[in-house]
Amino acid sequence: MSSPSRLNALPSWLITQLAVHAHRLASAGFAGAGARGYHYRLLAALREFGPASQAELGRRCNIDRSDVVAAINELAGQDYVARAPDPADRRRNTVTLTPAGERQLARLDEAVADVQDELLAPLDPGERAELVWLLARVLEHHTRGM
């Protein structure tokens, strides 16, 4: 590896460049499975936490309310989620993962794994684990209390 340029010595620049590349890879991986990143985040949250209101999903997934509605509409149109009035508050909808949504999430999980492998190809498993640990540590520091 050659000596780093001035920019390549800046962690913030490197992280930004890698984030752009990771986003491209993830978008292509999701598109190959007929989905978008929002779809994956919403389906994964429903699997992990169970049925939830649209507002709750937006908060959990850090997605704007209007984007949640549009993504839930798309997912419901493909029978990946079902919406029903919340029995505790009829003004609110509860979103539930369907069996078709579980199958789509499995496809998306495979796409995400492929993206991780492509993104981190030059690293061995120990280096990958260390990178994830370091990134999580930095992120946790900057998001504590948010």
C-alpha atoms as a PDB file:
ATOM      1  CA  MET A   1       0.000   0.000   0.000  1.00  0.00           C
ATOM      2  CA  SER A   2       1.402   3.397  -0.947  1.00  0.00           C
ATOM      3  CA  SER A   3       1.723   6.230   1.539  1.00  0.00           C
ATOM      4  CA  PRO A   4      -1.623   7.894   2.217  1.00  0.00           C
ATOM      5  CA  SER A   5      -2.570  11.158   0.574  1.00  0.00           C
ATOM      6  CA  ARG A   6      -3.562  13.996   2.824  1.00  0.00           C
ATOM      7  CA  LEU A   7      -7.263  13.069   2.444  1.00  0.00           C
ATOM      8  CA  ASN A   8      -6.641   9.354   2.898  1.00  0.00           C
ATOM      9  CA  ALA A   9      -5.124  10.141   6.271  1.00  0.00           C
ATOM     10  CA  LEU A  10      -8.386  11.667   7.524  1.00  0.00           C
ATOM     11  CA  PRO A  11     -10.679   9.092   9.169  1.00  0.00           C
ATOM     12  CA  SER A  12     -13.761  11.255   8.539  1.00  0.00           C
ATOM     13  CA  TRP A  13     -13.004  11.379   4.796  1.00  0.00           C
ATOM     14  CA  LEU A  14     -12.335   7.634   4.634  1.00  0.00           C
ATOM     15  CA  ILE A  15     -15.559   6.842   6.521  1.00  0.00           C
ATOM     16  CA  THR A  16     -17.542   9.121   4.200  1.00  0.00           C
ATOM     17  CA  GLN A  17     -16.078   7.565   1.057  1.00  0.00           C
ATOM     18  CA  LEU A  18     -16.686   4.057   2.373  1.00  0.00           C
ATOM     19  CA  ALA A  19     -20.254   4.967   3.387  1.00  0.00           C
ATOM     20  CA  VAL A  20     -20.972   6.148  -0.164  1.00  0.00           C
ATOM     21  CA  HIS A  21     -19.594   2.900  -1.575  1.00  0.00           C
ATOM     22  CA  ALA A  22     -21.463   0.794   1.014  1.00  0.00           C
ATOM     23  CA  HIS A  23     -24.707   2.602   0.183  1.00  0.00           C
ATOM     24  CA  ARG A  24     -24.230   1.857  -3.534  1.00  0.00           C
ATOM     25  CA  LEU A  25     -23.564  -1.818  -2.814  1.00  0.00           C
ATOM     26  CA  ALA A  26     -26.551  -2.093  -0.462  1.00  0.00           C
ATOM     27  CA  SER A  27     -28.889  -0.328  -2.895  1.00  0.00           C
ATOM     28  CA  ALA A  28     -27.845  -2.697  -5.678  1.00  0.00           C
ATOM     29  CA  GLY A  29     -28.243  -5.716  -3.393  1.00  0.00           C
ATOM     30  CA  PHE A  30     -31.726  -4.651  -2.301  1.00  0.00           C
ATOM     31  CA  ALA A  31     -32.733  -3.818  -5.880  1.00  0.00           C
ATOM     32  CA  GLY A  32     -31.686  -7.314  -6.914  1.00  0.00           C
ATOM     33  CA  ALA A  33     -34.185  -8.652  -4.389  1.00  0.00           C
ATOM     34  CA  GLY A  34     -36.893  -6.195  -5.480  1.00  0.00           C
ATOM     35  CA  ALA A  35     -36.604  -3.966  -2.420  1.00  0.00           C
ATOM     36  CA  ARG A  36     -35.156  -0.794  -0.945  1.00  0.00           C
ATOM     37  CA  GLY A  37     -33.268  -0.133   2.272  1.00  0.00           C
ATOM     38  CA  TYR A  38     -36.399   1.155   4.020  1.00  0.00           C
ATOM     39  CA  HIS A  39     -38.121  -2.142   3.257  1.00  0.00           C
ATOM     40  CA  TYR A  40     -35.339  -4.098   4.898  1.00  0.00           C
ATOM     41  CA  ARG A  41     -35.280  -1.887   7.978  1.00  0.00           C
ATOM     42  CA  LEU A  42     -39.037  -2.104   8.450  1.00  0.00           C
ATOM     43  CA  LEU A  43     -39.293  -5.858   7.877  1.00  0.00           C
ATOM     44  CA  ALA A  44     -36.333  -6.524  10.178  1.00  0.00           C
ATOM     45  CA  ALA A  45     -37.855  -4.350  12.935  1.00  0.00           C
ATOM     46  CA  LEU A  46     -41.167  -6.210  12.660  1.00  0.00           C
ATOM     47  CA  ARG A  47     -39.381  -9.556  12.954  1.00  0.00           C
ATOM     48  CA  GLU A  48     -37.260  -8.394  15.883  1.00  0.00           C
ATOM     49  CA  PHE A  49     -39.908  -6.510  17.879  1.00  0.00           C
ATOM     50  CA  GLY A  50     -43.228  -7.835  16.583  1.00  0.00           C
ATOM     51  CA  PRO A  51     -46.282  -5.884  15.410  1.00  0.00           C
ATOM     52  CA  ALA A  52     -46.036  -2.135  15.802  1.00  0.00           C
ATOM     53  CA  SER A  53     -47.740   1.099  14.830  1.00  0.00           C
ATOM     54  CA  GLN A  54     -46.418   3.010  11.835  1.00  0.00           C
ATOM     55  CA  ALA A  55     -45.216   5.788  14.152  1.00  0.00           C
ATOM     56  CA  GLU A  56     -43.389   3.278  16.353  1.00  0.00           C
ATOM     57  CA  LEU A  57     -41.730   1.724  13.285  1.00  0.00           C
ATOM     58  CA  GLY A  58     -40.612   5.154  12.119  1.00  0.00           C
ATOM     59  CA  ARG A  59     -38.981   5.879  15.476  1.00  0.00           C
ATOM     60  CA  ARG A  60     -37.361   2.440  15.698  1.00  0.00           C
ATOM     61  CA  CYS A  61     -36.005   2.555  12.150  1.00  0.00           C
ATOM     62  CA  ASN A  62     -35.199   6.270  12.152  1.00  0.00           C
ATOM     63  CA  ILE A  63     -37.408   6.844   9.098  1.00  0.00           C
ATOM     64  CA  ASP A  64     -39.510   9.977   8.555  1.00  0.00           C
ATOM     65  CA  ARG A  65     -43.254   9.463   9.065  1.00  0.00           C
ATOM     66  CA  SER A  66     -44.198  10.164   5.430  1.00  0.00           C
ATOM     67  CA  ASP A  67     -41.509   7.757   4.200  1.00  0.00           C
ATOM     68  CA  VAL A  68     -42.773   5.066   6.592  1.00  0.00           C
ATOM     69  CA  VAL A  69     -46.294   5.411   5.198  1.00  0.00           C
ATOM     70  CA  ALA A  70     -45.048   5.135   1.603  1.00  0.00           C
ATOM     71  CA  ALA A  71     -42.822   2.131   2.381  1.00  0.00           C
ATOM     72  CA  ILE A  72     -45.581   0.371   4.365  1.00  0.00           C
ATOM     73  CA  ASN A  73     -47.949   0.964   1.431  1.00  0.00           C
ATOM     74  CA  GLU A  74     -45.411  -0.678  -0.897  1.00  0.00           C
ATOM     75  CA  LEU A  75     -44.854  -3.604   1.467  1.00  0.00           C
ATOM     76  CA  ALA A  76     -48.601  -4.088   2.002  1.00  0.00           C
ATOM     77  CA  GLY A  77     -49.125  -4.014  -1.761  1.00  0.00           C
ATOM     78  CA  GLN A  78     -46.753  -6.969  -2.056  1.00  0.00           C
ATOM     79  CA  ASP A  79     -48.397  -8.784   0.891  1.00  0.00           C
ATOM     80  CA  TYR A  80     -45.197  -8.520   2.973  1.00  0.00           C
ATOM     81  CA  VAL A  81     -47.009  -6.739   5.809  1.00  0.00           C
ATOM     82  CA  ALA A  82     -50.603  -6.485   6.957  1.00  0.00           C
ATOM     83  CA  ARG A  83     -52.183  -3.387   8.478  1.00  0.00           C
ATOM     84  CA  ALA A  84     -55.110  -3.515  10.843  1.00  0.00           C
ATOM     85  CA  PRO A  85     -56.679  -1.065  13.282  1.00  0.00           C
ATOM     86  CA  ASP A  86     -55.025  -1.223  16.705  1.00  0.00           C
ATOM     87  CA  PRO A  87     -57.550  -2.751  19.129  1.00  0.00           C
ATOM     88  CA  ALA A  88     -56.309  -0.400  21.882  1.00  0.00           C
ATOM     89  CA  ASP A  89     -56.632   2.722  19.708  1.00  0.00           C
ATOM     90  CA  ARG A  90     -58.756   2.445  16.558  1.00  0.00           C
ATOM     91  CA  ARG A  91     -57.214   5.677  15.167  1.00  0.00           C
ATOM     92  CA  ARG A  92     -53.875   3.907  14.826  1.00  0.00           C
ATOM     93  CA  ASN A  93     -52.846   1.036  12.528  1.00  0.00           C
ATOM     94  CA  THR A  94     -50.802  -1.925  13.687  1.00  0.00           C
ATOM     95  CA  VAL A  95     -48.415  -3.371  11.117  1.00  0.00           C
ATOM     96  CA  THR A  96     -47.643  -7.098  11.155  1.00  0.00           C
ATOM     97  CA  LEU A  97     -45.118  -9.162   9.209  1.00  0.00           C
ATOM     98  CA  THR A  98     -46.780 -11.764   6.958  1.00  0.00           C
ATOM     99  CA  PRO A  99     -45.374 -15.160   5.924  1.00  0.00           C
ATOM    100  CA  ALA A 100     -44.550 -13.656   2.503  1.00  0.00           C
ATOM    101  CA  GLY A 101     -42.749 -10.846   4.359  1.00  0.00           C
ATOM    102  CA  GLU A 102     -40.716 -13.425   6.308  1.00  0.00           C
ATOM    103  CA  ARG A 103     -39.636 -15.013   3.014  1.00  0.00           C
ATOM    104  CA  GLN A 104     -38.732 -11.611   1.544  1.00  0.00           C
ATOM    105  CA  LEU A 105     -36.768 -10.751   4.671  1.00  0.00           C
ATOM    106  CA  ALA A 106     -34.799 -13.997   4.304  1.00  0.00           C
ATOM    107  CA  ARG A 107     -33.925 -12.973   0.721  1.00  0.00           C
ATOM    108  CA  LEU A 108     -32.908  -9.522   1.943  1.00  0.00           C
ATOM    109  CA  ASP A 109     -30.805 -11.028   4.743  1.00  0.00           C
ATOM    110  CA  GLU A 110     -28.893 -12.973   2.065  1.00  0.00           C
ATOM    111  CA  ALA A 111     -28.435  -9.806  -0.002  1.00  0.00           C
ATOM    112  CA  VAL A 112     -27.122  -7.952   3.066  1.00  0.00           C
ATOM    113  CA  ALA A 113     -24.681 -10.776   3.845  1.00  0.00           C
ATOM    114  CA  ASP A 114     -23.408 -10.673   0.250  1.00  0.00           C
ATOM    115  CA  VAL A 115     -22.946  -6.898   0.481  1.00  0.00           C
ATOM    116  CA  GLN A 116     -20.994  -7.255   3.742  1.00  0.00           C
ATOM    117  CA  ASP A 117     -18.748  -9.862   2.141  1.00  0.00           C
ATOM    118  CA  GLU A 118     -18.096  -7.664  -0.892  1.00  0.00           C
ATOM    119  CA  LEU A 119     -17.533  -4.517   1.160  1.00  0.00           C
ATOM    120  CA  LEU A 120     -15.150  -6.164   3.612  1.00  0.00           C
ATOM    121  CA  ALA A 121     -13.467  -8.546   1.134  1.00  0.00           C
ATOM    122  CA  PRO A 122      -9.902  -7.392   1.900  1.00  0.00           C
ATOM    123  CA  LEU A 123     -10.288  -8.104   5.639  1.00  0.00           C
ATOM    124  CA  ASP A 124      -9.961 -11.458   7.369  1.00  0.00           C
ATOM    125  CA  PRO A 125     -12.660 -12.455   9.925  1.00  0.00           C
ATOM    126  CA  GLY A 126     -10.682 -11.077  12.880  1.00  0.00           C
ATOM    127  CA  GLU A 127     -10.131  -7.749  11.157  1.00  0.00           C
ATOM    128  CA  ARG A 128     -13.828  -7.577  10.242  1.00  0.00           C
ATOM    129  CA  ALA A 129     -14.824  -8.163  13.858  1.00  0.00           C
ATOM    130  CA  GLU A 130     -12.366  -5.540  15.059  1.00  0.00           C
ATOM    131  CA  LEU A 131     -13.593  -2.989  12.501  1.00  0.00           C
ATOM    132  CA  VAL A 132     -17.214  -3.563  13.512  1.00  0.00           C
ATOM    133  CA  TRP A 133     -16.297  -3.214  17.190  1.00  0.00           C
ATOM    134  CA  LEU A 134     -14.380   0.030  16.586  1.00  0.00           C
ATOM    135  CA  LEU A 135     -17.105   1.560  14.413  1.00  0.00           C
ATOM    136  CA  ALA A 136     -19.789   0.608  16.950  1.00  0.00           C
ATOM    137  CA  ARG A 137     -17.711   2.149  19.726  1.00  0.00           C
ATOM    138  CA  VAL A 138     -17.289   5.454  17.858  1.00  0.00           C
ATOM    139  CA  LEU A 139     -20.970   5.535  16.868  1.00  0.00           C
ATOM    140  CA  GLU A 140     -22.113   4.791  20.424  1.00  0.00           C
ATOM    141  CA  HIS A 141     -19.954   7.630  21.731  1.00  0.00           C
ATOM    142  CA  HIS A 142     -21.507  10.130  19.329  1.00  0.00           C
ATOM    143  CA  THR A 143     -25.109   8.967  19.716  1.00  0.00           C
ATOM    144  CA  ARG A 144     -25.194   8.531  23.485  1.00  0.00           C
ATOM    145  CA  GLY A 145     -28.127  10.452  24.899  1.00  0.00           C
ATOM    146  CA  MET A 146     -29.758  11.151  21.546  1.00  0.00           C
END
